[in-house]
Amino acid sequence: MDVDGSGFIDKKELRSMLEAFFTYITKDGTNSEEINKEVDNAIGEMDLNKDGMVSFEEFLKYNLKMNGLASTSI
């Protein structure tokens, strides 16, 4: 997902990933407004320090929490 190799996932990279995912799942994609909403929600949940990007650590913590492998107070 970190296409530019910066060590972070930004909104542009997350949007590209979600567009590909929705296209794969639905076979016809989804509308731009829905993807923007999903990107904003995902960044909002994962970006713990609120810098607008998701670090590997933030991504890992979020996924561990979502999979029940970490407490909700991370």
Protein backbone atom coordinates (compact mmCIF):
# COMPACT_ATOMS: atom_id res chain seq x y z
CA MET A 1 0.00 0.00 0.00
CA ASP A 2 2.94 2.35 0.60
CA VAL A 3 3.51 2.97 -3.11
CA ASP A 4 6.00 5.82 -2.78
CA GLY A 5 8.12 4.05 -0.14
CA SER A 6 7.79 6.90 2.36
CA GLY A 7 7.06 4.56 5.26
CA PHE A 8 3.52 5.93 5.54
CA ILE A 9 0.16 5.36 3.90
CA ASP A 10 -1.39 8.65 2.84
CA LYS A 11 -4.92 9.37 1.60
CA LYS A 12 -3.93 9.02 -2.05
CA GLU A 13 -2.41 5.58 -1.51
CA LEU A 14 -5.32 4.41 0.62
CA ARG A 15 -7.78 5.68 -1.98
CA SER A 16 -6.01 3.73 -4.74
CA MET A 17 -6.08 0.59 -2.66
CA LEU A 18 -9.78 0.97 -1.80
CA GLU A 19 -10.71 1.69 -5.42
CA ALA A 20 -8.96 -1.52 -6.48
CA PHE A 21 -10.57 -3.46 -3.64
CA PHE A 22 -14.11 -2.23 -4.38
CA THR A 23 -13.63 -2.88 -8.09
CA TYR A 24 -12.46 -6.44 -7.33
CA ILE A 25 -15.34 -7.11 -4.92
CA THR A 26 -18.15 -5.51 -6.92
CA LYS A 27 -16.66 -5.99 -10.40
CA ASP A 28 -17.77 -2.46 -11.28
CA GLY A 29 -16.19 -0.25 -8.63
CA THR A 30 -18.09 2.19 -6.53
CA ASN A 31 -18.80 5.87 -6.64
CA SER A 32 -16.16 8.45 -5.82
CA GLU A 33 -18.13 9.92 -2.91
CA GLU A 34 -18.39 6.54 -1.20
CA ILE A 35 -14.66 5.90 -1.59
CA ASN A 36 -13.82 9.35 -0.19
CA LYS A 37 -16.00 8.61 2.84
CA GLU A 38 -14.31 5.24 3.39
CA VAL A 39 -10.84 6.80 3.07
CA ASP A 40 -11.67 9.54 5.58
CA ASN A 41 -13.13 6.98 8.01
CA ALA A 42 -10.14 4.65 7.68
CA ILE A 43 -7.56 7.41 8.10
CA GLY A 44 -9.53 8.76 11.06
CA GLU A 45 -9.49 5.40 12.82
CA MET A 46 -5.90 4.40 12.06
CA ASP A 47 -4.09 7.76 12.27
CA LEU A 48 -3.48 7.85 16.02
CA ASN A 49 -1.26 10.95 16.02
CA LYS A 50 -3.54 12.80 13.55
CA ASP A 51 -0.80 13.78 11.10
CA GLY A 52 -2.86 12.73 8.06
CA MET A 53 -0.77 9.64 7.36
CA VAL A 54 -0.77 6.09 8.69
CA SER A 55 2.56 4.69 9.86
CA PHE A 56 3.28 0.97 9.91
CA GLU A 57 2.93 1.02 13.71
CA GLU A 58 -0.50 2.71 13.50
CA PHE A 59 -1.58 0.26 10.77
CA LEU A 60 -0.41 -2.71 12.83
CA LYS A 61 -2.09 -1.50 16.03
CA TYR A 62 -5.36 -0.91 14.18
CA ASN A 63 -5.32 -4.34 12.57
CA LEU A 64 -4.42 -6.12 15.80
CA LYS A 65 -7.30 -4.31 17.52
CA MET A 66 -9.75 -5.12 14.71
CA ASN A 67 -8.78 -8.79 14.84
CA GLY A 68 -9.21 -8.98 18.61
CA LEU A 69 -5.49 -9.45 19.22
CA ALA A 70 -4.95 -6.20 21.13
CA SER A 71 -6.85 -4.28 23.75
CA THR A 72 -9.05 -1.38 22.70
CA SER A 73 -6.84 1.05 24.64
CA ILE A 74 -3.86 1.10 22.27
